[in-house]
Amino acid sequence: MSGYTLAWAVWLAAFAVIEGKALRDNRKNDTLSEHVWQWFAVKDRAAPYGQLRRATLAMGMAWLAGHFLTGGLI
């Protein structure tokens, strides 16, 4: 196992622990989804630069999906 593989496994485990704890405690604005919605003004249509922030999120997600699905051609 390479160092990078180990680092990604540790990162995924840390994410699972953090997200799992956030899902169990039922507070607002604690999960990754809730943070992304806040950072990219998904629910706040009147936020400054909200349309640009949402477009940036959409383009980033489209690139990531294409990147994964094409084996890195995109």
PDB file of N, CA and C in Angstrom:
ATOM      1  N   MET A   1       0.859  -1.174   0.000  1.00  0.00           N
ATOM      2  CA  MET A   1       0.000   0.000   0.000  1.00  0.00           C
ATOM      3  C   MET A   1       0.906   1.239   0.000  1.00  0.00           C
ATOM      4  N   SER A   2       0.634   2.145  -0.928  1.00  0.00           N
ATOM      5  CA  SER A   2       1.446   3.359  -1.010  1.00  0.00           C
ATOM      6  C   SER A   2       1.028   4.355   0.067  1.00  0.00           C
ATOM      7  N   GLY A   3       1.860   5.340   0.278  1.00  0.00           N
ATOM      8  CA  GLY A   3       1.550   6.389   1.235  1.00  0.00           C
ATOM      9  C   GLY A   3       0.301   7.165   0.852  1.00  0.00           C
ATOM     10  N   TYR A   4       0.113   7.388  -0.444  1.00  0.00           N
ATOM     11  CA  TYR A   4      -1.080   8.109  -0.901  1.00  0.00           C
ATOM     12  C   TYR A   4      -2.346   7.293  -0.643  1.00  0.00           C
ATOM     13  N   THR A   5      -2.281   5.989  -0.904  1.00  0.00           N
ATOM     14  CA  THR A   5      -3.439   5.139  -0.647  1.00  0.00           C
ATOM     15  C   THR A   5      -3.799   5.174   0.830  1.00  0.00           C
ATOM     16  N   LEU A   6      -2.810   5.084   1.679  1.00  0.00           N
ATOM     17  CA  LEU A   6      -3.039   5.159   3.120  1.00  0.00           C
ATOM     18  C   LEU A   6      -3.614   6.521   3.511  1.00  0.00           C
ATOM     19  N   ALA A   7      -3.066   7.591   2.956  1.00  0.00           N
ATOM     20  CA  ALA A   7      -3.555   8.944   3.273  1.00  0.00           C
ATOM     21  C   ALA A   7      -5.010   9.113   2.858  1.00  0.00           C
ATOM     22  N   TRP A   8      -5.379   8.617   1.656  1.00  0.00           N
ATOM     23  CA  TRP A   8      -6.771   8.722   1.217  1.00  0.00           C
ATOM     24  C   TRP A   8      -7.686   7.877   2.099  1.00  0.00           C
ATOM     25  N   ALA A   9      -7.233   6.703   2.513  1.00  0.00           N
ATOM     26  CA  ALA A   9      -8.032   5.856   3.403  1.00  0.00           C
ATOM     27  C   ALA A   9      -8.262   6.543   4.745  1.00  0.00           C
ATOM     28  N   VAL A  10      -7.221   7.182   5.278  1.00  0.00           N
ATOM     29  CA  VAL A  10      -7.358   7.925   6.540  1.00  0.00           C
ATOM     30  C   VAL A  10      -8.304   9.101   6.351  1.00  0.00           C
ATOM     31  N   TRP A  11      -8.186   9.809   5.236  1.00  0.00           N
ATOM     32  CA  TRP A  11      -9.068  10.953   4.951  1.00  0.00           C
ATOM     33  C   TRP A  11     -10.524  10.495   4.892  1.00  0.00           C
ATOM     34  N   LEU A  12     -10.781   9.381   4.191  1.00  0.00           N
ATOM     35  CA  LEU A  12     -12.146   8.861   4.093  1.00  0.00           C
ATOM     36  C   LEU A  12     -12.678   8.423   5.456  1.00  0.00           C
ATOM     37  N   ALA A  13     -11.834   7.804   6.260  1.00  0.00           N
ATOM     38  CA  ALA A  13     -12.249   7.390   7.602  1.00  0.00           C
ATOM     39  C   ALA A  13     -12.576   8.613   8.458  1.00  0.00           C
ATOM     40  N   ALA A  14     -11.753   9.656   8.378  1.00  0.00           N
ATOM     41  CA  ALA A  14     -12.016  10.885   9.132  1.00  0.00           C
ATOM     42  C   ALA A  14     -13.327  11.509   8.682  1.00  0.00           C
ATOM     43  N   PHE A  15     -13.559  11.540   7.376  1.00  0.00           N
ATOM     44  CA  PHE A  15     -14.821  12.073   6.858  1.00  0.00           C
ATOM     45  C   PHE A  15     -15.999  11.274   7.404  1.00  0.00           C
ATOM     46  N   ALA A  16     -15.894   9.953   7.393  1.00  0.00           N
ATOM     47  CA  ALA A  16     -16.989   9.101   7.881  1.00  0.00           C
ATOM     48  C   ALA A  16     -17.278   9.374   9.354  1.00  0.00           C
ATOM     49  N   VAL A  17     -16.245   9.548  10.152  1.00  0.00           N
ATOM     50  CA  VAL A  17     -16.428   9.839  11.579  1.00  0.00           C
ATOM     51  C   VAL A  17     -17.085  11.208  11.765  1.00  0.00           C
ATOM     52  N   ILE A  18     -16.581  12.230  11.086  1.00  0.00           N
ATOM     53  CA  ILE A  18     -17.118  13.591  11.229  1.00  0.00           C
ATOM     54  C   ILE A  18     -18.559  13.658  10.743  1.00  0.00           C
ATOM     55  N   GLU A  19     -18.818  13.121   9.566  1.00  0.00           N
ATOM     56  CA  GLU A  19     -20.166  13.169   9.002  1.00  0.00           C
ATOM     57  C   GLU A  19     -21.128  12.315   9.826  1.00  0.00           C
ATOM     58  N   GLY A  20     -20.676  11.157  10.281  1.00  0.00           N
ATOM     59  CA  GLY A  20     -21.518  10.307  11.119  1.00  0.00           C
ATOM     60  C   GLY A  20     -21.929  10.992  12.403  1.00  0.00           C
ATOM     61  N   LYS A  21     -20.975  11.657  13.051  1.00  0.00           N
ATOM     62  CA  LYS A  21     -21.280  12.408  14.275  1.00  0.00           C
ATOM     63  C   LYS A  21     -22.258  13.534  13.973  1.00  0.00           C
ATOM     64  N   ALA A  22     -22.051  14.243  12.889  1.00  0.00           N
ATOM     65  CA  ALA A  22     -22.939  15.349  12.513  1.00  0.00           C
ATOM     66  C   ALA A  22     -24.351  14.852  12.215  1.00  0.00           C
ATOM     67  N   LEU A  23     -24.469  13.703  11.588  1.00  0.00           N
ATOM     68  CA  LEU A  23     -25.795  13.156  11.271  1.00  0.00           C
ATOM     69  C   LEU A  23     -26.540  12.719  12.531  1.00  0.00           C
ATOM     70  N   ARG A  24     -25.806  12.247  13.519  1.00  0.00           N
ATOM     71  CA  ARG A  24     -26.442  11.770  14.746  1.00  0.00           C
ATOM     72  C   ARG A  24     -26.888  12.888  15.680  1.00  0.00           C
ATOM     73  N   ASP A  25     -26.218  14.040  15.686  1.00  0.00           N
ATOM     74  CA  ASP A  25     -26.555  15.045  16.700  1.00  0.00           C
ATOM     75  C   ASP A  25     -27.697  15.987  16.308  1.00  0.00           C
ATOM     76  N   ASN A  26     -28.153  15.928  15.064  1.00  0.00           N
ATOM     77  CA  ASN A  26     -29.342  16.674  14.612  1.00  0.00           C
ATOM     78  C   ASN A  26     -29.272  18.191  14.773  1.00  0.00           C
ATOM     79  N   ARG A  27     -28.095  18.760  14.857  1.00  0.00           N
ATOM     80  CA  ARG A  27     -27.981  20.219  14.865  1.00  0.00           C
ATOM     81  C   ARG A  27     -27.972  20.717  13.434  1.00  0.00           C
ATOM     82  N   LYS A  28     -28.315  21.971  13.250  1.00  0.00           N
ATOM     83  CA  LYS A  28     -28.300  22.567  11.915  1.00  0.00           C
ATOM     84  C   LYS A  28     -26.875  22.972  11.550  1.00  0.00           C
ATOM     85  N   ASN A  29     -26.599  22.961  10.254  1.00  0.00           N
ATOM     86  CA  ASN A  29     -25.324  23.434   9.693  1.00  0.00           C
ATOM     87  C   ASN A  29     -24.121  22.675  10.228  1.00  0.00           C
ATOM     88  N   ASP A  30     -24.247  21.350  10.338  1.00  0.00           N
ATOM     89  CA  ASP A  30     -23.104  20.578  10.795  1.00  0.00           C
ATOM     90  C   ASP A  30     -22.629  19.535   9.784  1.00  0.00           C
ATOM     91  N   THR A  31     -23.475  19.120   8.847  1.00  0.00           N
ATOM     92  CA  THR A  31     -23.058  18.127   7.859  1.00  0.00           C
ATOM     93  C   THR A  31     -22.354  18.800   6.684  1.00  0.00           C
ATOM     94  N   LEU A  32     -21.672  18.009   5.885  1.00  0.00           N
ATOM     95  CA  LEU A  32     -21.000  18.556   4.706  1.00  0.00           C
ATOM     96  C   LEU A  32     -22.023  19.167   3.749  1.00  0.00           C
ATOM     97  N   SER A  33     -23.147  18.491   3.544  1.00  0.00           N
ATOM     98  CA  SER A  33     -24.169  19.021   2.639  1.00  0.00           C
ATOM     99  C   SER A  33     -24.641  20.393   3.091  1.00  0.00           C
ATOM    100  N   GLU A  34     -24.921  20.532   4.375  1.00  0.00           N
ATOM    101  CA  GLU A  34     -25.401  21.817   4.890  1.00  0.00           C
ATOM    102  C   GLU A  34     -24.349  22.911   4.737  1.00  0.00           C
ATOM    103  N   HIS A  35     -23.084  22.556   4.906  1.00  0.00           N
ATOM    104  CA  HIS A  35     -22.021  23.545   4.707  1.00  0.00           C
ATOM    105  C   HIS A  35     -21.918  23.947   3.238  1.00  0.00           C
ATOM    106  N   VAL A  36     -21.988  22.972   2.345  1.00  0.00           N
ATOM    107  CA  VAL A  36     -21.918  23.281   0.910  1.00  0.00           C
ATOM    108  C   VAL A  36     -23.094  24.163   0.515  1.00  0.00           C
ATOM    109  N   TRP A  37     -24.294  23.850   1.009  1.00  0.00           N
ATOM    110  CA  TRP A  37     -25.468  24.670   0.699  1.00  0.00           C
ATOM    111  C   TRP A  37     -25.256  26.095   1.184  1.00  0.00           C
ATOM    112  N   GLN A  38     -24.633  26.260   2.334  1.00  0.00           N
ATOM    113  CA  GLN A  38     -24.379  27.599   2.870  1.00  0.00           C
ATOM    114  C   GLN A  38     -23.279  28.307   2.069  1.00  0.00           C
ATOM    115  N   TRP A  39     -22.157  27.630   1.833  1.00  0.00           N
ATOM    116  CA  TRP A  39     -21.039  28.242   1.116  1.00  0.00           C
ATOM    117  C   TRP A  39     -21.429  28.688  -0.286  1.00  0.00           C
ATOM    118  N   PHE A  40     -22.276  27.900  -0.965  1.00  0.00           N
ATOM    119  CA  PHE A  40     -22.634  28.184  -2.342  1.00  0.00           C
ATOM    120  C   PHE A  40     -24.025  28.797  -2.487  1.00  0.00           C
ATOM    121  N   ALA A  41     -24.589  29.268  -1.379  1.00  0.00           N
ATOM    122  CA  ALA A  41     -25.871  29.998  -1.365  1.00  0.00           C
ATOM    123  C   ALA A  41     -26.980  29.225  -2.078  1.00  0.00           C
ATOM    124  N   VAL A  42     -27.050  27.924  -1.816  1.00  0.00           N
ATOM    125  CA  VAL A  42     -28.053  27.095  -2.477  1.00  0.00           C
ATOM    126  C   VAL A  42     -29.451  27.442  -1.991  1.00  0.00           C
ATOM    127  N   LYS A  43     -29.609  27.671  -0.703  1.00  0.00           N
ATOM    128  CA  LYS A  43     -30.935  27.953  -0.152  1.00  0.00           C
ATOM    129  C   LYS A  43     -31.223  29.436   0.006  1.00  0.00           C
ATOM    130  N   ASP A  44     -30.192  30.267  -0.085  1.00  0.00           N
ATOM    131  CA  ASP A  44     -30.348  31.716   0.094  1.00  0.00           C
ATOM    132  C   ASP A  44     -30.224  32.398  -1.263  1.00  0.00           C
ATOM    133  N   ARG A  45     -31.331  32.522  -1.951  1.00  0.00           N
ATOM    134  CA  ARG A  45     -31.326  33.081  -3.308  1.00  0.00           C
ATOM    135  C   ARG A  45     -30.929  34.551  -3.345  1.00  0.00           C
ATOM    136  N   ALA A  46     -31.010  35.252  -2.206  1.00  0.00           N
ATOM    137  CA  ALA A  46     -30.682  36.680  -2.173  1.00  0.00           C
ATOM    138  C   ALA A  46     -29.241  36.947  -1.728  1.00  0.00           C
ATOM    139  N   ALA A  47     -28.451  35.902  -1.514  1.00  0.00           N
ATOM    140  CA  ALA A  47     -27.076  36.070  -1.034  1.00  0.00           C
ATOM    141  C   ALA A  47     -26.226  36.808  -2.071  1.00  0.00           C
ATOM    142  N   PRO A  48     -25.242  37.592  -1.591  1.00  0.00           N
ATOM    143  CA  PRO A  48     -24.342  38.269  -2.534  1.00  0.00           C
ATOM    144  C   PRO A  48     -23.627  37.242  -3.422  1.00  0.00           C
ATOM    145  N   TYR A  49     -23.632  37.504  -4.692  1.00  0.00           N
ATOM    146  CA  TYR A  49     -22.992  36.637  -5.686  1.00  0.00           C
ATOM    147  C   TYR A  49     -23.559  35.211  -5.657  1.00  0.00           C
ATOM    148  N   GLY A  50     -24.791  35.043  -5.184  1.00  0.00           N
ATOM    149  CA  GLY A  50     -25.391  33.714  -5.057  1.00  0.00           C
ATOM    150  C   GLY A  50     -25.463  32.970  -6.372  1.00  0.00           C
ATOM    151  N   GLN A  51     -25.864  33.639  -7.421  1.00  0.00           N
ATOM    152  CA  GLN A  51     -25.983  32.985  -8.719  1.00  0.00           C
ATOM    153  C   GLN A  51     -24.612  32.515  -9.208  1.00  0.00           C
ATOM    154  N   LEU A  52     -23.597  33.328  -9.038  1.00  0.00           N
ATOM    155  CA  LEU A  52     -22.233  32.952  -9.420  1.00  0.00           C
ATOM    156  C   LEU A  52     -21.733  31.780  -8.569  1.00  0.00           C
ATOM    157  N   ARG A  53     -22.021  31.822  -7.279  1.00  0.00           N
ATOM    158  CA  ARG A  53     -21.589  30.750  -6.385  1.00  0.00           C
ATOM    159  C   ARG A  53     -22.247  29.427  -6.756  1.00  0.00           C
ATOM    160  N   ARG A  54     -23.548  29.456  -7.062  1.00  0.00           N
ATOM    161  CA  ARG A  54     -24.248  28.232  -7.461  1.00  0.00           C
ATOM    162  C   ARG A  54     -23.744  27.719  -8.807  1.00  0.00           C
ATOM    163  N   ALA A  55     -23.466  28.623  -9.726  1.00  0.00           N
ATOM    164  CA  ALA A  55     -22.926  28.216 -11.033  1.00  0.00           C
ATOM    165  C   ALA A  55     -21.548  27.577 -10.869  1.00  0.00           C
ATOM    166  N   THR A  56     -20.744  28.130  -9.980  1.00  0.00           N
ATOM    167  CA  THR A  56     -19.421  27.563  -9.704  1.00  0.00           C
ATOM    168  C   THR A  56     -19.547  26.154  -9.149  1.00  0.00           C
ATOM    169  N   LEU A  57     -20.475  25.959  -8.235  1.00  0.00           N
ATOM    170  CA  LEU A  57     -20.719  24.620  -7.676  1.00  0.00           C
ATOM    171  C   LEU A  57     -21.159  23.665  -8.780  1.00  0.00           C
ATOM    172  N   ALA A  58     -22.102  24.085  -9.618  1.00  0.00           N
ATOM    173  CA  ALA A  58     -22.599  23.220 -10.689  1.00  0.00           C
ATOM    174  C   ALA A  58     -21.485  22.842 -11.663  1.00  0.00           C
ATOM    175  N   MET A  59     -20.657  23.800 -12.040  1.00  0.00           N
ATOM    176  CA  MET A  59     -19.557  23.509 -12.966  1.00  0.00           C
ATOM    177  C   MET A  59     -18.533  22.583 -12.323  1.00  0.00           C
ATOM    178  N   GLY A  60     -18.237  22.811 -11.056  1.00  0.00           N
ATOM    179  CA  GLY A  60     -17.283  21.954 -10.356  1.00  0.00           C
ATOM    180  C   GLY A  60     -17.783  20.525 -10.230  1.00  0.00           C
ATOM    181  N   MET A  61     -19.058  20.365  -9.920  1.00  0.00           N
ATOM    182  CA  MET A  61     -19.636  19.020  -9.802  1.00  0.00           C
ATOM    183  C   MET A  61     -19.691  18.334 -11.173  1.00  0.00           C
ATOM    184  N   ALA A  62     -20.009  19.099 -12.213  1.00  0.00           N
ATOM    185  CA  ALA A  62     -20.042  18.528 -13.567  1.00  0.00           C
ATOM    186  C   ALA A  62     -18.649  18.070 -13.980  1.00  0.00           C
ATOM    187  N   TRP A  63     -17.628  18.895 -13.686  1.00  0.00           N
ATOM    188  CA  TRP A  63     -16.257  18.494 -14.017  1.00  0.00           C
ATOM    189  C   TRP A  63     -15.871  17.245 -13.240  1.00  0.00           C
ATOM    190  N   LEU A  64     -16.168  17.211 -11.942  1.00  0.00           N
ATOM    191  CA  LEU A  64     -15.783  16.064 -11.121  1.00  0.00           C
ATOM    192  C   LEU A  64     -16.441  14.780 -11.614  1.00  0.00           C
ATOM    193  N   ALA A  65     -17.732  14.850 -11.930  1.00  0.00           N
ATOM    194  CA  ALA A  65     -18.426  13.671 -12.453  1.00  0.00           C
ATOM    195  C   ALA A  65     -17.787  13.218 -13.775  1.00  0.00           C
ATOM    196  N   GLY A  66     -17.541  14.155 -14.672  1.00  0.00           N
ATOM    197  CA  GLY A  66     -16.912  13.818 -15.942  1.00  0.00           C
ATOM    198  C   GLY A  66     -15.520  13.247 -15.754  1.00  0.00           C
ATOM    199  N   HIS A  67     -14.770  13.810 -14.842  1.00  0.00           N
ATOM    200  CA  HIS A  67     -13.410  13.358 -14.538  1.00  0.00           C
ATOM    201  C   HIS A  67     -13.426  11.912 -14.062  1.00  0.00           C
ATOM    202  N   PHE A  68     -14.325  11.607 -13.127  1.00  0.00           N
ATOM    203  CA  PHE A  68     -14.411  10.239 -12.609  1.00  0.00           C
ATOM    204  C   PHE A  68     -14.921   9.262 -13.673  1.00  0.00           C
ATOM    205  N   LEU A  69     -15.945   9.671 -14.429  1.00  0.00           N
ATOM    206  CA  LEU A  69     -16.581   8.767 -15.376  1.00  0.00           C
ATOM    207  C   LEU A  69     -15.773   8.515 -16.642  1.00  0.00           C
ATOM    208  N   THR A  70     -14.822   9.404 -16.953  1.00  0.00           N
ATOM    209  CA  THR A  70     -14.006   9.203 -18.163  1.00  0.00           C
ATOM    210  C   THR A  70     -12.603   8.716 -17.851  1.00  0.00           C
ATOM    211  N   GLY A  71     -12.338   8.435 -16.590  1.00  0.00           N
ATOM    212  CA  GLY A  71     -11.003   7.960 -16.221  1.00  0.00           C
ATOM    213  C   GLY A  71      -9.943   9.047 -16.337  1.00  0.00           C
ATOM    214  N   GLY A  72     -10.343  10.297 -16.175  1.00  0.00           N
ATOM    215  CA  GLY A  72      -9.378  11.387 -16.176  1.00  0.00           C
ATOM    216  C   GLY A  72      -9.196  12.083 -17.527  1.00  0.00           C
ATOM    217  N   LEU A  73     -10.002  11.755 -18.518  1.00  0.00           N
ATOM    218  CA  LEU A  73      -9.878  12.426 -19.811  1.00  0.00           C
ATOM    219  C   LEU A  73     -10.351  13.868 -19.736  1.00  0.00           C
ATOM    220  N   ILE A  74     -11.190  14.167 -18.791  1.00  0.00           N
ATOM    221  CA  ILE A  74     -11.703  15.534 -18.601  1.00  0.00           C
ATOM    222  C   ILE A  74     -10.981  16.144 -17.426  1.00  0.00           C
TER     223      ILE A  74
END
